[in-house]
Amino acid sequence: ALMAPTRIYVKPLLELLRHDDYQVHALSHITGGGLLENLPRVLPSGTAARIERDRWELPPIFDFLARAGDIPDEQMLRTFNCGIGMTVVVGDSVVVITQSS
């Protein structure tokens, strides 16, 4: 799992940007710093994102790392992408493109 190639998001993002159904306000590639540090960087001042951890399945490698390292959820979200490689801010919503999509 650690040696799997990085997911490239260009094609699905270009497809999303072509749709008139969504007004894309921001994109955030979730890399070092995880969700808790990367997502706020693209949000306007005075706004926030709500991360609902139960809305996606944690890939097994991250579950293993959390258990083996006794790493709390908040630290996992601050350090790793936890299976969320890209977020797209669309109005009041966030469209999630997971690594397995």
PDB file of N, CA and C in Angstrom:
ATOM      1  N   ALA A   1       0.825  -1.203   0.000  1.00  0.00           N
ATOM      2  CA  ALA A   1       0.000   0.000   0.000  1.00  0.00           C
ATOM      3  C   ALA A   1       0.863   1.258   0.000  1.00  0.00           C
ATOM      4  N   LEU A   2       1.988   1.216   0.709  1.00  0.00           N
ATOM      5  CA  LEU A   2       2.853   2.388   0.775  1.00  0.00           C
ATOM      6  C   LEU A   2       3.586   2.650  -0.532  1.00  0.00           C
ATOM      7  N   MET A   3       3.694   1.643  -1.362  1.00  0.00           N
ATOM      8  CA  MET A   3       4.410   1.786  -2.632  1.00  0.00           C
ATOM      9  C   MET A   3       3.474   2.062  -3.815  1.00  0.00           C
ATOM     10  N   ALA A   4       2.186   2.164  -3.570  1.00  0.00           N
ATOM     11  CA  ALA A   4       1.233   2.427  -4.652  1.00  0.00           C
ATOM     12  C   ALA A   4       1.521   3.803  -5.255  1.00  0.00           C
ATOM     13  N   PRO A   5       1.380   3.930  -6.571  1.00  0.00           N
ATOM     14  CA  PRO A   5       1.642   5.223  -7.208  1.00  0.00           C
ATOM     15  C   PRO A   5       0.676   6.295  -6.709  1.00  0.00           C
ATOM     16  N   THR A   6       1.138   7.516  -6.719  1.00  0.00           N
ATOM     17  CA  THR A   6       0.306   8.649  -6.338  1.00  0.00           C
ATOM     18  C   THR A   6      -0.836   8.810  -7.321  1.00  0.00           C
ATOM     19  N   ARG A   7      -2.008   9.063  -6.812  1.00  0.00           N
ATOM     20  CA  ARG A   7      -3.174   9.304  -7.659  1.00  0.00           C
ATOM     21  C   ARG A   7      -3.028  10.673  -8.305  1.00  0.00           C
ATOM     22  N   ILE A   8      -3.285  10.744  -9.591  1.00  0.00           N
ATOM     23  CA  ILE A   8      -3.247  12.010 -10.317  1.00  0.00           C
ATOM     24  C   ILE A   8      -4.701  12.469 -10.499  1.00  0.00           C
ATOM     25  N   TYR A   9      -5.015  13.678 -10.081  1.00  0.00           N
ATOM     26  CA  TYR A   9      -6.386  14.166 -10.032  1.00  0.00           C
ATOM     27  C   TYR A   9      -6.778  15.051 -11.212  1.00  0.00           C
ATOM     28  N   VAL A  10      -5.877  15.285 -12.134  1.00  0.00           N
ATOM     29  CA  VAL A  10      -6.133  16.243 -13.212  1.00  0.00           C
ATOM     30  C   VAL A  10      -7.396  15.905 -14.004  1.00  0.00           C
ATOM     31  N   LYS A  11      -7.529  14.689 -14.490  1.00  0.00           N
ATOM     32  CA  LYS A  11      -8.685  14.346 -15.330  1.00  0.00           C
ATOM     33  C   LYS A  11     -10.021  14.484 -14.599  1.00  0.00           C
ATOM     34  N   PRO A  12     -10.179  13.902 -13.380  1.00  0.00           N
ATOM     35  CA  PRO A  12     -11.475  14.076 -12.721  1.00  0.00           C
ATOM     36  C   PRO A  12     -11.755  15.534 -12.344  1.00  0.00           C
ATOM     37  N   LEU A  13     -10.717  16.300 -12.026  1.00  0.00           N
ATOM     38  CA  LEU A  13     -10.931  17.703 -11.690  1.00  0.00           C
ATOM     39  C   LEU A  13     -11.331  18.513 -12.919  1.00  0.00           C
ATOM     40  N   LEU A  14     -10.690  18.265 -14.037  1.00  0.00           N
ATOM     41  CA  LEU A  14     -11.074  18.963 -15.266  1.00  0.00           C
ATOM     42  C   LEU A  14     -12.516  18.634 -15.647  1.00  0.00           C
ATOM     43  N   GLU A  15     -12.894  17.380 -15.473  1.00  0.00           N
ATOM     44  CA  GLU A  15     -14.274  16.980 -15.759  1.00  0.00           C
ATOM     45  C   GLU A  15     -15.244  17.717 -14.833  1.00  0.00           C
ATOM     46  N   LEU A  16     -14.906  17.806 -13.565  1.00  0.00           N
ATOM     47  CA  LEU A  16     -15.750  18.519 -12.607  1.00  0.00           C
ATOM     48  C   LEU A  16     -15.856  20.000 -12.972  1.00  0.00           C
ATOM     49  N   LEU A  17     -14.744  20.609 -13.362  1.00  0.00           N
ATOM     50  CA  LEU A  17     -14.740  22.034 -13.701  1.00  0.00           C
ATOM     51  C   LEU A  17     -15.563  22.334 -14.953  1.00  0.00           C
ATOM     52  N   ARG A  18     -15.758  21.342 -15.819  1.00  0.00           N
ATOM     53  CA  ARG A  18     -16.556  21.522 -17.033  1.00  0.00           C
ATOM     54  C   ARG A  18     -18.059  21.525 -16.759  1.00  0.00           C
ATOM     55  N   HIS A  19     -18.475  20.988 -15.612  1.00  0.00           N
ATOM     56  CA  HIS A  19     -19.899  20.907 -15.277  1.00  0.00           C
ATOM     57  C   HIS A  19     -20.402  22.248 -14.784  1.00  0.00           C
ATOM     58  N   ASP A  20     -21.573  22.617 -15.276  1.00  0.00           N
ATOM     59  CA  ASP A  20     -22.201  23.856 -14.822  1.00  0.00           C
ATOM     60  C   ASP A  20     -22.942  23.663 -13.502  1.00  0.00           C
ATOM     61  N   ASP A  21     -23.058  22.405 -13.051  1.00  0.00           N
ATOM     62  CA  ASP A  21     -23.798  22.110 -11.824  1.00  0.00           C
ATOM     63  C   ASP A  21     -23.090  22.624 -10.569  1.00  0.00           C
ATOM     64  N   TYR A  22     -21.779  22.829 -10.650  1.00  0.00           N
ATOM     65  CA  TYR A  22     -20.995  23.211  -9.486  1.00  0.00           C
ATOM     66  C   TYR A  22     -20.204  24.482  -9.771  1.00  0.00           C
ATOM     67  N   GLN A  23     -20.148  25.350  -8.784  1.00  0.00           N
ATOM     68  CA  GLN A  23     -19.256  26.492  -8.860  1.00  0.00           C
ATOM     69  C   GLN A  23     -18.097  26.170  -7.924  1.00  0.00           C
ATOM     70  N   VAL A  24     -16.973  25.787  -8.495  1.00  0.00           N
ATOM     71  CA  VAL A  24     -15.814  25.397  -7.704  1.00  0.00           C
ATOM     72  C   VAL A  24     -15.142  26.656  -7.162  1.00  0.00           C
ATOM     73  N   HIS A  25     -14.999  26.710  -5.842  1.00  0.00           N
ATOM     74  CA  HIS A  25     -14.379  27.859  -5.186  1.00  0.00           C
ATOM     75  C   HIS A  25     -12.916  27.614  -4.845  1.00  0.00           C
ATOM     76  N   ALA A  26     -12.555  26.360  -4.596  1.00  0.00           N
ATOM     77  CA  ALA A  26     -11.175  26.071  -4.206  1.00  0.00           C
ATOM     78  C   ALA A  26     -10.888  24.588  -4.347  1.00  0.00           C
ATOM     79  N   LEU A  27      -9.621  24.286  -4.543  1.00  0.00           N
ATOM     80  CA  LEU A  27      -9.126  22.912  -4.576  1.00  0.00           C
ATOM     81  C   LEU A  27      -8.043  22.805  -3.502  1.00  0.00           C
ATOM     82  N   SER A  28      -7.986  21.687  -2.840  1.00  0.00           N
ATOM     83  CA  SER A  28      -6.947  21.470  -1.839  1.00  0.00           C
ATOM     84  C   SER A  28      -6.413  20.047  -1.970  1.00  0.00           C
ATOM     85  N   HIS A  29      -5.158  19.949  -2.395  1.00  0.00           N
ATOM     86  CA  HIS A  29      -4.487  18.653  -2.480  1.00  0.00           C
ATOM     87  C   HIS A  29      -3.997  18.329  -1.074  1.00  0.00           C
ATOM     88  N   ILE A  30      -4.432  17.202  -0.546  1.00  0.00           N
ATOM     89  CA  ILE A  30      -4.120  16.856   0.839  1.00  0.00           C
ATOM     90  C   ILE A  30      -2.813  16.073   0.875  1.00  0.00           C
ATOM     91  N   THR A  31      -1.756  16.767   1.294  1.00  0.00           N
ATOM     92  CA  THR A  31      -0.408  16.191   1.349  1.00  0.00           C
ATOM     93  C   THR A  31       0.081  16.276   2.787  1.00  0.00           C
ATOM     94  N   GLY A  32       1.367  16.513   2.980  1.00  0.00           N
ATOM     95  CA  GLY A  32       1.907  16.685   4.318  1.00  0.00           C
ATOM     96  C   GLY A  32       1.129  17.761   5.057  1.00  0.00           C
ATOM     97  N   GLY A  33       0.746  17.504   6.262  1.00  0.00           N
ATOM     98  CA  GLY A  33      -0.108  18.413   7.013  1.00  0.00           C
ATOM     99  C   GLY A  33      -1.528  17.889   7.088  1.00  0.00           C
ATOM    100  N   GLY A  34      -1.830  16.885   6.255  1.00  0.00           N
ATOM    101  CA  GLY A  34      -3.131  16.243   6.303  1.00  0.00           C
ATOM    102  C   GLY A  34      -4.297  17.182   6.061  1.00  0.00           C
ATOM    103  N   LEU A  35      -5.474  16.704   6.374  1.00  0.00           N
ATOM    104  CA  LEU A  35      -6.705  17.477   6.186  1.00  0.00           C
ATOM    105  C   LEU A  35      -6.750  18.718   7.075  1.00  0.00           C
ATOM    106  N   LEU A  36      -6.281  18.589   8.304  1.00  0.00           N
ATOM    107  CA  LEU A  36      -6.436  19.684   9.257  1.00  0.00           C
ATOM    108  C   LEU A  36      -5.596  20.905   8.926  1.00  0.00           C
ATOM    109  N   GLU A  37      -4.519  20.747   8.167  1.00  0.00           N
ATOM    110  CA  GLU A  37      -3.697  21.898   7.815  1.00  0.00           C
ATOM    111  C   GLU A  37      -3.891  22.349   6.374  1.00  0.00           C
ATOM    112  N   ASN A  38      -4.197  21.440   5.472  1.00  0.00           N
ATOM    113  CA  ASN A  38      -4.316  21.805   4.060  1.00  0.00           C
ATOM    114  C   ASN A  38      -5.660  22.427   3.693  1.00  0.00           C
ATOM    115  N   LEU A  39      -6.742  21.856   4.169  1.00  0.00           N
ATOM    116  CA  LEU A  39      -8.062  22.366   3.806  1.00  0.00           C
ATOM    117  C   LEU A  39      -8.276  23.819   4.247  1.00  0.00           C
ATOM    118  N   PRO A  40      -7.924  24.205   5.473  1.00  0.00           N
ATOM    119  CA  PRO A  40      -8.137  25.602   5.871  1.00  0.00           C
ATOM    120  C   PRO A  40      -7.383  26.623   5.011  1.00  0.00           C
ATOM    121  N   ARG A  41      -6.317  26.223   4.371  1.00  0.00           N
ATOM    122  CA  ARG A  41      -5.537  27.151   3.540  1.00  0.00           C
ATOM    123  C   ARG A  41      -6.322  27.700   2.358  1.00  0.00           C
ATOM    124  N   VAL A  42      -7.336  26.986   1.910  1.00  0.00           N
ATOM    125  CA  VAL A  42      -8.096  27.439   0.741  1.00  0.00           C
ATOM    126  C   VAL A  42      -9.424  28.084   1.108  1.00  0.00           C
ATOM    127  N   LEU A  43      -9.744  28.130   2.387  1.00  0.00           N
ATOM    128  CA  LEU A  43     -11.018  28.696   2.822  1.00  0.00           C
ATOM    129  C   LEU A  43     -10.873  30.191   3.083  1.00  0.00           C
ATOM    130  N   PRO A  44     -11.892  30.958   2.712  1.00  0.00           N
ATOM    131  CA  PRO A  44     -11.859  32.397   2.998  1.00  0.00           C
ATOM    132  C   PRO A  44     -11.819  32.649   4.505  1.00  0.00           C
ATOM    133  N   SER A  45     -11.252  33.779   4.884  1.00  0.00           N
ATOM    134  CA  SER A  45     -11.202  34.181   6.286  1.00  0.00           C
ATOM    135  C   SER A  45     -12.609  34.164   6.876  1.00  0.00           C
ATOM    136  N   GLY A  46     -12.726  33.642   8.083  1.00  0.00           N
ATOM    137  CA  GLY A  46     -14.015  33.608   8.759  1.00  0.00           C
ATOM    138  C   GLY A  46     -14.870  32.407   8.423  1.00  0.00           C
ATOM    139  N   THR A  47     -14.370  31.498   7.563  1.00  0.00           N
ATOM    140  CA  THR A  47     -15.129  30.290   7.243  1.00  0.00           C
ATOM    141  C   THR A  47     -14.391  29.071   7.779  1.00  0.00           C
ATOM    142  N   ALA A  48     -15.076  27.964   7.808  1.00  0.00           N
ATOM    143  CA  ALA A  48     -14.485  26.729   8.310  1.00  0.00           C
ATOM    144  C   ALA A  48     -15.088  25.547   7.568  1.00  0.00           C
ATOM    145  N   ALA A  49     -14.396  24.443   7.616  1.00  0.00           N
ATOM    146  CA  ALA A  49     -14.912  23.189   7.067  1.00  0.00           C
ATOM    147  C   ALA A  49     -15.168  22.242   8.228  1.00  0.00           C
ATOM    148  N   ARG A  50     -16.216  21.485   8.122  1.00  0.00           N
ATOM    149  CA  ARG A  50     -16.513  20.460   9.124  1.00  0.00           C
ATOM    150  C   ARG A  50     -16.064  19.131   8.543  1.00  0.00           C
ATOM    151  N   ILE A  51     -15.152  18.469   9.222  1.00  0.00           N
ATOM    152  CA  ILE A  51     -14.664  17.165   8.782  1.00  0.00           C
ATOM    153  C   ILE A  51     -15.421  16.099   9.563  1.00  0.00           C
ATOM    154  N   GLU A  52     -16.186  15.318   8.854  1.00  0.00           N
ATOM    155  CA  GLU A  52     -16.968  14.255   9.478  1.00  0.00           C
ATOM    156  C   GLU A  52     -16.252  12.938   9.211  1.00  0.00           C
ATOM    157  N   ARG A  53     -15.450  12.535  10.157  1.00  0.00           N
ATOM    158  CA  ARG A  53     -14.576  11.373  10.010  1.00  0.00           C
ATOM    159  C   ARG A  53     -15.327  10.081   9.668  1.00  0.00           C
ATOM    160  N   ASP A  54     -16.581   9.983  10.052  1.00  0.00           N
ATOM    161  CA  ASP A  54     -17.350   8.769   9.784  1.00  0.00           C
ATOM    162  C   ASP A  54     -17.943   8.745   8.371  1.00  0.00           C
ATOM    163  N   ARG A  55     -17.661   9.746   7.541  1.00  0.00           N
ATOM    164  CA  ARG A  55     -18.230   9.822   6.199  1.00  0.00           C
ATOM    165  C   ARG A  55     -17.398   9.096   5.143  1.00  0.00           C
ATOM    166  N   TRP A  56     -16.213   8.598   5.488  1.00  0.00           N
ATOM    167  CA  TRP A  56     -15.436   7.821   4.542  1.00  0.00           C
ATOM    168  C   TRP A  56     -14.719   6.703   5.281  1.00  0.00           C
ATOM    169  N   GLU A  57     -14.430   5.667   4.534  1.00  0.00           N
ATOM    170  CA  GLU A  57     -13.757   4.506   5.102  1.00  0.00           C
ATOM    171  C   GLU A  57     -12.251   4.743   5.109  1.00  0.00           C
ATOM    172  N   LEU A  58     -11.656   4.601   6.263  1.00  0.00           N
ATOM    173  CA  LEU A  58     -10.218   4.764   6.405  1.00  0.00           C
ATOM    174  C   LEU A  58      -9.524   3.581   5.733  1.00  0.00           C
ATOM    175  N   PRO A  59      -8.645   3.830   4.757  1.00  0.00           N
ATOM    176  CA  PRO A  59      -7.928   2.722   4.128  1.00  0.00           C
ATOM    177  C   PRO A  59      -7.157   1.918   5.182  1.00  0.00           C
ATOM    178  N   PRO A  60      -7.050   0.624   4.995  1.00  0.00           N
ATOM    179  CA  PRO A  60      -6.432  -0.248   6.000  1.00  0.00           C
ATOM    180  C   PRO A  60      -5.043   0.191   6.465  1.00  0.00           C
ATOM    181  N   ILE A  61      -4.228   0.757   5.585  1.00  0.00           N
ATOM    182  CA  ILE A  61      -2.878   1.154   5.992  1.00  0.00           C
ATOM    183  C   ILE A  61      -2.921   2.226   7.078  1.00  0.00           C
ATOM    184  N   PHE A  62      -3.892   3.138   6.992  1.00  0.00           N
ATOM    185  CA  PHE A  62      -3.987   4.198   7.993  1.00  0.00           C
ATOM    186  C   PHE A  62      -4.530   3.667   9.307  1.00  0.00           C
ATOM    187  N   ASP A  63      -5.451   2.716   9.234  1.00  0.00           N
ATOM    188  CA  ASP A  63      -5.947   2.069  10.442  1.00  0.00           C
ATOM    189  C   ASP A  63      -4.791   1.351  11.136  1.00  0.00           C
ATOM    190  N   PHE A  64      -3.967   0.645  10.359  1.00  0.00           N
ATOM    191  CA  PHE A  64      -2.800  -0.045  10.918  1.00  0.00           C
ATOM    192  C   PHE A  64      -1.851   0.944  11.591  1.00  0.00           C
ATOM    193  N   LEU A  65      -1.518   2.039  10.895  1.00  0.00           N
ATOM    194  CA  LEU A  65      -0.594   3.030  11.453  1.00  0.00           C
ATOM    195  C   LEU A  65      -1.140   3.632  12.753  1.00  0.00           C
ATOM    196  N   ALA A  66      -2.431   3.930  12.770  1.00  0.00           N
ATOM    197  CA  ALA A  66      -3.042   4.512  13.968  1.00  0.00           C
ATOM    198  C   ALA A  66      -2.951   3.548  15.149  1.00  0.00           C
ATOM    199  N   ARG A  67      -3.261   2.277  14.885  1.00  0.00           N
ATOM    200  CA  ARG A  67      -3.209   1.289  15.971  1.00  0.00           C
ATOM    201  C   ARG A  67      -1.778   0.996  16.394  1.00  0.00           C
ATOM    202  N   ALA A  68      -0.899   0.730  15.432  1.00  0.00           N
ATOM    203  CA  ALA A  68       0.483   0.355  15.741  1.00  0.00           C
ATOM    204  C   ALA A  68       1.233   1.483  16.441  1.00  0.00           C
ATOM    205  N   GLY A  69       0.946   2.707  16.055  1.00  0.00           N
ATOM    206  CA  GLY A  69       1.629   3.841  16.649  1.00  0.00           C
ATOM    207  C   GLY A  69       0.871   4.512  17.769  1.00  0.00           C
ATOM    208  N   ASP A  70      -0.302   3.970  18.098  1.00  0.00           N
ATOM    209  CA  ASP A  70      -1.166   4.566  19.123  1.00  0.00           C
ATOM    210  C   ASP A  70      -1.340   6.062  18.853  1.00  0.00           C
ATOM    211  N   ILE A  71      -1.726   6.367  17.600  1.00  0.00           N
ATOM    212  CA  ILE A  71      -1.850   7.754  17.142  1.00  0.00           C
ATOM    213  C   ILE A  71      -3.320   8.174  17.226  1.00  0.00           C
ATOM    214  N   PRO A  72      -3.620   9.234  17.968  1.00  0.00           N
ATOM    215  CA  PRO A  72      -5.005   9.709  18.071  1.00  0.00           C
ATOM    216  C   PRO A  72      -5.539  10.195  16.727  1.00  0.00           C
ATOM    217  N   ASP A  73      -6.867  10.164  16.556  1.00  0.00           N
ATOM    218  CA  ASP A  73      -7.510  10.580  15.302  1.00  0.00           C
ATOM    219  C   ASP A  73      -7.061  11.963  14.852  1.00  0.00           C
ATOM    220  N   GLU A  74      -7.037  12.936  15.766  1.00  0.00           N
ATOM    221  CA  GLU A  74      -6.661  14.299  15.384  1.00  0.00           C
ATOM    222  C   GLU A  74      -5.249  14.348  14.820  1.00  0.00           C
ATOM    223  N   GLN A  75      -4.332  13.610  15.416  1.00  0.00           N
ATOM    224  CA  GLN A  75      -2.956  13.591  14.910  1.00  0.00           C
ATOM    225  C   GLN A  75      -2.880  12.888  13.560  1.00  0.00           C
ATOM    226  N   MET A  76      -3.670  11.837  13.375  1.00  0.00           N
ATOM    227  CA  MET A  76      -3.716  11.166  12.074  1.00  0.00           C
ATOM    228  C   MET A  76      -4.166  12.149  10.994  1.00  0.00           C
ATOM    229  N   LEU A  77      -5.221  12.923  11.290  1.00  0.00           N
ATOM    230  CA  LEU A  77      -5.750  13.891  10.324  1.00  0.00           C
ATOM    231  C   LEU A  77      -4.789  15.052  10.093  1.00  0.00           C
ATOM    232  N   ARG A  78      -3.932  15.339  11.060  1.00  0.00           N
ATOM    233  CA  ARG A  78      -2.964  16.423  10.924  1.00  0.00           C
ATOM    234  C   ARG A  78      -1.712  15.973  10.166  1.00  0.00           C
ATOM    235  N   THR A  79      -1.450  14.680  10.157  1.00  0.00           N
ATOM    236  CA  THR A  79      -0.218  14.167   9.578  1.00  0.00           C
ATOM    237  C   THR A  79      -0.424  13.516   8.217  1.00  0.00           C
ATOM    238  N   PHE A  80      -1.493  12.745   8.070  1.00  0.00           N
ATOM    239  CA  PHE A  80      -1.722  11.958   6.859  1.00  0.00           C
ATOM    240  C   PHE A  80      -2.985  12.423   6.136  1.00  0.00           C
ATOM    241  N   ASN A  81      -3.119  12.028   4.872  1.00  0.00           N
ATOM    242  CA  ASN A  81      -4.357  12.380   4.165  1.00  0.00           C
ATOM    243  C   ASN A  81      -5.495  11.429   4.526  1.00  0.00           C
ATOM    244  N   CYS A  82      -5.202  10.323   5.164  1.00  0.00           N
ATOM    245  CA  CYS A  82      -6.205   9.355   5.647  1.00  0.00           C
ATOM    246  C   CYS A  82      -7.160   8.908   4.545  1.00  0.00           C
ATOM    247  N   GLY A  83      -6.641   8.844   3.322  1.00  0.00           N
ATOM    248  CA  GLY A  83      -7.441   8.358   2.209  1.00  0.00           C
ATOM    249  C   GLY A  83      -8.137   9.454   1.419  1.00  0.00           C
ATOM    250  N   ILE A  84      -8.046  10.691   1.873  1.00  0.00           N
ATOM    251  CA  ILE A  84      -8.634  11.825   1.148  1.00  0.00           C
ATOM    252  C   ILE A  84      -7.475  12.566   0.488  1.00  0.00           C
ATOM    253  N   GLY A  85      -7.329  12.378  -0.805  1.00  0.00           N
ATOM    254  CA  GLY A  85      -6.199  12.982  -1.497  1.00  0.00           C
ATOM    255  C   GLY A  85      -6.467  14.369  -2.027  1.00  0.00           C
ATOM    256  N   MET A  86      -7.743  14.712  -2.228  1.00  0.00           N
ATOM    257  CA  MET A  86      -8.100  16.005  -2.804  1.00  0.00           C
ATOM    258  C   MET A  86      -9.465  16.407  -2.283  1.00  0.00           C
ATOM    259  N   THR A  87      -9.607  17.677  -1.942  1.00  0.00           N
ATOM    260  CA  THR A  87     -10.929  18.204  -1.626  1.00  0.00           C
ATOM    261  C   THR A  87     -11.233  19.324  -2.607  1.00  0.00           C
ATOM    262  N   VAL A  88     -12.514  19.465  -2.902  1.00  0.00           N
ATOM    263  CA  VAL A  88     -12.991  20.506  -3.806  1.00  0.00           C
ATOM    264  C   VAL A  88     -14.080  21.258  -3.058  1.00  0.00           C
ATOM    265  N   VAL A  89     -13.873  22.539  -2.843  1.00  0.00           N
ATOM    266  CA  VAL A  89     -14.856  23.350  -2.139  1.00  0.00           C
ATOM    267  C   VAL A  89     -15.851  23.879  -3.160  1.00  0.00           C
ATOM    268  N   VAL A  90     -17.115  23.499  -2.956  1.00  0.00           N
ATOM    269  CA  VAL A  90     -18.189  23.832  -3.889  1.00  0.00           C
ATOM    270  C   VAL A  90     -19.319  24.454  -3.081  1.00  0.00           C
ATOM    271  N   GLY A  91     -19.388  25.768  -3.041  1.00  0.00           N
ATOM    272  CA  GLY A  91     -20.418  26.422  -2.254  1.00  0.00           C
ATOM    273  C   GLY A  91     -20.283  26.025  -0.801  1.00  0.00           C
ATOM    274  N   ASP A  92     -21.366  25.551  -0.226  1.00  0.00           N
ATOM    275  CA  ASP A  92     -21.355  25.122   1.170  1.00  0.00           C
ATOM    276  C   ASP A  92     -20.972  23.663   1.318  1.00  0.00           C
ATOM    277  N   SER A  93     -20.550  23.030   0.224  1.00  0.00           N
ATOM    278  CA  SER A  93     -20.246  21.605   0.251  1.00  0.00           C
ATOM    279  C   SER A  93     -18.779  21.353  -0.052  1.00  0.00           C
ATOM    280  N   VAL A  94     -18.344  20.172   0.285  1.00  0.00           N
ATOM    281  CA  VAL A  94     -17.019  19.728  -0.094  1.00  0.00           C
ATOM    282  C   VAL A  94     -17.186  18.415  -0.825  1.00  0.00           C
ATOM    283  N   VAL A  95     -16.730  18.348  -2.064  1.00  0.00           N
ATOM    284  CA  VAL A  95     -16.752  17.118  -2.836  1.00  0.00           C
ATOM    285  C   VAL A  95     -15.442  16.402  -2.535  1.00  0.00           C
ATOM    286  N   VAL A  96     -15.499  15.144  -2.166  1.00  0.00           N
ATOM    287  CA  VAL A  96     -14.309  14.405  -1.793  1.00  0.00           C
ATOM    288  C   VAL A  96     -13.974  13.398  -2.897  1.00  0.00           C
ATOM    289  N   ILE A  97     -12.732  13.459  -3.374  1.00  0.00           N
ATOM    290  CA  ILE A  97     -12.232  12.478  -4.332  1.00  0.00           C
ATOM    291  C   ILE A  97     -11.260  11.613  -3.556  1.00  0.00           C
ATOM    292  N   THR A  98     -11.650  10.381  -3.276  1.00  0.00           N
ATOM    293  CA  THR A  98     -10.795   9.510  -2.484  1.00  0.00           C
ATOM    294  C   THR A  98      -9.741   8.857  -3.356  1.00  0.00           C
ATOM    295  N   GLN A  99      -8.721   8.332  -2.745  1.00  0.00           N
ATOM    296  CA  GLN A  99      -7.648   7.680  -3.473  1.00  0.00           C
ATOM    297  C   GLN A  99      -8.141   6.439  -4.195  1.00  0.00           C
ATOM    298  N   SER A 100      -9.196   5.813  -3.697  1.00  0.00           N
ATOM    299  CA  SER A 100      -9.681   4.594  -4.320  1.00  0.00           C
ATOM    300  C   SER A 100     -10.701   4.849  -5.418  1.00  0.00           C
ATOM    301  N   SER A 101     -11.107   6.112  -5.604  1.00  0.00           N
ATOM    302  CA  SER A 101     -12.106   6.435  -6.639  1.00  0.00           C
ATOM    303  C   SER A 101     -11.507   6.356  -8.018  1.00  0.00           C
TER     304      SER A 101
END
